[in-house]
Amino acid sequence: EGFPEPVDLYDIFDIDRDDMKSKERFRRYLRNDVLMFYRDKQTGYMEISALVPKDPEFAAEFTNYVVDELDAFNQQVHARKAQEHRIFIEEQEAQSRLVLKKSEDDLAAFVQSNRTYATSPQLQLEYNRLSRIALANSEIWMQLRTQFELAKIEEHKNLVSVTVLSPAVPPAQPYTPRLALNTLLAAILGGIICVLLLIIRDQVAEKRS
């Protein structure tokens, strides 16, 4: 989303197209839902983690890389929109400047041709009309000029769209398998199976007797 054409993830993540092992490894990571997101509803902060089998260092590097790419992508989108806005304002400012110049020229030409306009009510009305037009066009141009200068500043801003509270680091212990939980479940399951076997053995013994 946001790109004019489909994006090749091999280019985004700098994957060697000729290295089949590298490509297959990357596909496997994506296919296995390597990235996980959790958003805190109260604070709005988002936690991102990566689940990579037997490679915690890569999981941390991959997570940090995704965050960096997200920040870079947001900055590119911001820069493109700021540039488009600046170009639009610049075009409007240029057109407004031409309109202002014409209205000022019309007013100057009227005064040049009617030096005694103040003595004629009709000419005074025309002078006032041309003055209002020139003043209105001047205010519009000044507003556009201000917006143009602000747009140029906005275009060159180096914004940080993602604030990292804590960078990803390799986990101290594997996320999975959870040995303690698996051991407990195995013990419980084993106990249930033993009880069932004892019950079955007693029933069989009763039938034989």
Protein backbone atom coordinates (compact mmCIF):
# COMPACT_ATOMS: atom_id res chain seq x y z
CA GLU A 1 0.00 0.00 0.00
CA GLY A 2 1.31 3.43 -0.91
CA PHE A 3 3.43 2.25 -3.83
CA PRO A 4 2.32 2.98 -7.40
CA GLU A 5 3.31 -0.54 -8.50
CA PRO A 6 3.67 -3.96 -6.83
CA VAL A 7 6.69 -4.16 -4.53
CA ASP A 8 9.27 -6.94 -4.71
CA LEU A 9 10.12 -8.00 -1.16
CA TYR A 10 13.43 -9.39 -2.39
CA ASP A 11 14.44 -5.81 -3.21
CA ILE A 12 12.97 -4.41 0.00
CA PHE A 13 14.89 -6.86 2.18
CA ASP A 14 17.94 -7.05 -0.08
CA ILE A 15 17.63 -10.79 -0.75
CA ASP A 16 20.00 -12.29 -3.32
CA ARG A 17 17.83 -13.55 -6.18
CA ASP A 18 20.47 -16.12 -7.21
CA ASP A 19 20.80 -17.60 -3.71
CA MET A 20 18.02 -20.17 -3.58
CA LYS A 21 18.70 -21.06 0.07
CA SER A 22 18.39 -17.43 1.10
CA LYS A 23 15.17 -16.99 -0.87
CA GLU A 24 13.62 -20.18 0.48
CA ARG A 25 14.59 -19.27 4.04
CA PHE A 26 12.96 -15.88 3.68
CA ARG A 27 9.80 -17.41 2.20
CA ARG A 28 9.62 -19.88 5.06
CA TYR A 29 9.91 -17.12 7.65
CA LEU A 30 7.11 -15.11 6.03
CA ARG A 31 4.93 -18.18 5.53
CA ASN A 32 5.24 -19.13 9.20
CA ASP A 33 4.01 -15.70 10.36
CA VAL A 34 7.38 -14.72 11.76
CA LEU A 35 6.17 -11.26 12.85
CA MET A 36 3.75 -10.74 15.72
CA PHE A 37 2.15 -7.44 16.75
CA TYR A 38 0.52 -6.41 20.01
CA ARG A 39 -0.98 -2.95 20.57
CA ASP A 40 -1.65 -1.63 24.05
CA LYS A 41 -5.12 -0.07 23.97
CA GLN A 42 -4.38 2.26 26.90
CA THR A 43 -1.01 3.70 25.82
CA GLY A 44 -1.26 3.11 22.07
CA TYR A 45 2.25 1.67 22.02
CA MET A 46 2.86 -1.34 19.80
CA GLU A 47 5.05 -4.31 20.61
CA ILE A 48 6.62 -6.16 17.68
CA SER A 49 8.34 -9.52 18.01
CA ALA A 50 9.66 -12.13 15.62
CA LEU A 51 9.50 -15.89 16.03
CA VAL A 52 12.41 -17.51 14.20
CA PRO A 53 13.22 -21.19 14.81
CA LYS A 54 16.68 -21.73 16.34
CA ASP A 55 17.93 -18.26 15.41
CA PRO A 56 17.25 -15.68 18.16
CA GLU A 57 19.91 -13.27 16.85
CA PHE A 58 18.25 -13.13 13.45
CA ALA A 59 14.84 -12.68 15.10
CA ALA A 60 16.09 -9.56 16.91
CA GLU A 61 17.85 -8.20 13.82
CA PHE A 62 14.79 -8.86 11.65
CA THR A 63 12.46 -7.11 14.11
CA ASN A 64 14.69 -4.03 14.34
CA TYR A 65 15.04 -4.02 10.55
CA VAL A 66 11.26 -4.04 10.08
CA VAL A 67 10.91 -1.07 12.46
CA ASP A 68 13.66 0.82 10.60
CA GLU A 69 12.02 0.10 7.25
CA LEU A 70 8.65 1.25 8.60
CA ASP A 71 10.21 4.53 9.70
CA ALA A 72 11.97 4.94 6.33
CA PHE A 73 8.74 4.17 4.46
CA ASN A 74 6.78 6.71 6.50
CA GLN A 75 9.43 9.34 5.85
CA GLN A 76 9.31 8.63 2.11
CA VAL A 77 5.52 8.97 2.10
CA HIS A 78 5.76 12.20 4.08
CA ALA A 79 8.44 13.58 1.75
CA ARG A 80 6.41 12.71 -1.36
CA LYS A 81 3.23 14.29 0.00
CA ALA A 82 5.14 17.36 1.18
CA GLN A 83 6.71 17.73 -2.26
CA GLU A 84 3.37 17.38 -4.02
CA HIS A 85 1.86 19.98 -1.65
CA ARG A 86 4.77 22.35 -2.22
CA ILE A 87 4.47 22.04 -6.01
CA PHE A 88 0.71 22.69 -5.85
CA ILE A 89 1.14 25.77 -3.66
CA GLU A 90 3.96 27.00 -5.89
CA GLU A 91 1.74 26.78 -8.98
CA GLN A 92 -1.11 28.56 -7.20
CA GLU A 93 1.26 31.27 -5.98
CA ALA A 94 2.59 31.85 -9.50
CA GLN A 95 -0.93 32.18 -10.92
CA SER A 96 -1.98 34.48 -8.08
CA ARG A 97 1.07 36.66 -8.72
CA LEU A 98 0.07 37.10 -12.35
CA VAL A 99 -3.52 37.95 -11.38
CA LEU A 100 -2.22 40.47 -8.84
CA LYS A 101 0.07 42.10 -11.40
CA LYS A 102 -2.79 42.45 -13.88
CA SER A 103 -5.09 44.03 -11.30
CA GLU A 104 -2.33 46.45 -10.27
CA ASP A 105 -1.64 47.30 -13.91
CA ASP A 106 -5.36 47.90 -14.49
CA LEU A 107 -5.47 50.25 -11.51
CA ALA A 108 -2.34 52.11 -12.63
CA ALA A 109 -3.66 52.45 -16.17
CA PHE A 110 -6.96 53.80 -14.87
CA VAL A 111 -5.22 56.43 -12.73
CA GLN A 112 -2.95 57.34 -15.64
CA SER A 113 -5.95 57.86 -17.93
CA ASN A 114 -8.16 59.59 -15.36
CA ARG A 115 -5.98 61.87 -13.27
CA THR A 116 -9.04 63.87 -12.15
CA TYR A 117 -11.08 60.79 -11.14
CA ALA A 118 -11.57 62.25 -7.66
CA THR A 119 -13.84 64.96 -9.04
CA SER A 120 -16.16 62.48 -10.77
CA PRO A 121 -18.43 60.23 -8.68
CA GLN A 122 -18.60 57.66 -11.49
CA LEU A 123 -14.82 57.55 -11.92
CA GLN A 124 -14.39 57.43 -8.13
CA LEU A 125 -16.58 54.32 -7.98
CA GLU A 126 -14.53 52.67 -10.71
CA TYR A 127 -11.32 53.56 -8.91
CA ASN A 128 -12.64 52.08 -5.68
CA ARG A 129 -13.68 48.90 -7.48
CA LEU A 130 -10.25 48.44 -9.06
CA SER A 131 -8.58 49.17 -5.72
CA ARG A 132 -10.65 46.53 -3.94
CA ILE A 133 -9.77 43.95 -6.60
CA ALA A 134 -6.06 44.77 -6.35
CA LEU A 135 -6.18 44.65 -2.53
CA ALA A 136 -8.03 41.31 -2.50
CA ASN A 137 -5.58 39.79 -4.98
CA SER A 138 -2.69 41.10 -2.90
CA GLU A 139 -4.03 39.41 0.25
CA ILE A 140 -4.55 36.11 -1.61
CA TRP A 141 -1.03 36.24 -3.01
CA MET A 142 0.46 37.02 0.42
CA GLN A 143 -1.34 34.04 1.96
CA LEU A 144 -0.17 31.73 -0.81
CA ARG A 145 3.36 33.06 -0.50
CA THR A 146 3.34 32.32 3.23
CA GLN A 147 1.99 28.82 2.60
CA PHE A 148 4.67 28.28 -0.04
CA GLU A 149 7.46 29.17 2.39
CA LEU A 150 5.96 26.86 5.03
CA ALA A 151 5.62 24.07 2.45
CA LYS A 152 9.31 24.38 1.58
CA ILE A 153 10.22 24.02 5.26
CA GLU A 154 7.88 21.04 5.67
CA GLU A 155 9.37 19.35 2.60
CA HIS A 156 12.86 19.39 4.10
CA LYS A 157 11.88 18.28 7.58
CA ASN A 158 13.60 15.12 8.76
CA LEU A 159 10.77 13.60 10.76
CA VAL A 160 11.08 10.49 12.89
CA SER A 161 7.78 8.68 12.51
CA VAL A 162 8.65 5.74 14.77
CA THR A 163 9.94 6.20 18.30
CA VAL A 164 11.62 3.04 19.56
CA LEU A 165 11.16 2.65 23.31
CA SER A 166 13.22 -0.52 23.49
CA PRO A 167 15.05 -2.15 20.55
CA ALA A 168 14.65 -5.87 19.99
CA VAL A 169 17.27 -8.12 21.61
CA PRO A 170 17.68 -11.91 21.48
CA PRO A 171 15.55 -13.56 24.19
CA ALA A 172 17.27 -14.94 27.27
CA GLN A 173 15.41 -18.21 26.81
CA PRO A 174 13.47 -19.75 23.91
CA TYR A 175 9.89 -18.64 23.47
CA THR A 176 9.05 -22.17 22.51
CA PRO A 177 9.18 -25.01 23.43
CA ARG A 178 8.30 -24.18 27.04
CA LEU A 179 9.97 -27.01 28.91
CA ALA A 180 8.32 -26.43 32.28
CA LEU A 181 4.82 -26.23 30.80
CA ASN A 182 5.41 -29.17 28.48
CA THR A 183 6.74 -31.27 31.37
CA LEU A 184 3.72 -30.46 33.51
CA LEU A 185 1.30 -31.28 30.70
CA ALA A 186 3.15 -34.52 29.97
CA ALA A 187 2.96 -35.52 33.64
CA ILE A 188 -0.77 -34.78 33.80
CA LEU A 189 -1.43 -36.62 30.54
CA GLY A 190 0.70 -39.54 31.69
CA GLY A 191 -1.19 -39.73 34.98
CA ILE A 192 -4.55 -39.74 33.17
CA ILE A 193 -3.38 -42.54 30.87
CA CYS A 194 -2.14 -44.59 33.84
CA VAL A 195 -5.48 -44.19 35.63
CA LEU A 196 -7.36 -45.25 32.49
CA LEU A 197 -5.11 -48.30 32.07
CA LEU A 198 -5.68 -49.33 35.70
CA ILE A 199 -9.44 -48.96 35.29
CA ILE A 200 -9.38 -51.03 32.10
CA ARG A 201 -7.21 -53.69 33.78
CA ASP A 202 -9.57 -53.95 36.76
CA GLN A 203 -12.62 -54.26 34.47
CA VAL A 204 -10.93 -56.98 32.45
CA ALA A 205 -9.97 -58.82 35.65
CA GLU A 206 -13.56 -58.64 36.96
CA LYS A 207 -14.95 -60.09 33.72
CA ARG A 208 -12.50 -62.99 33.80
CA SER A 209 -13.37 -63.78 37.40
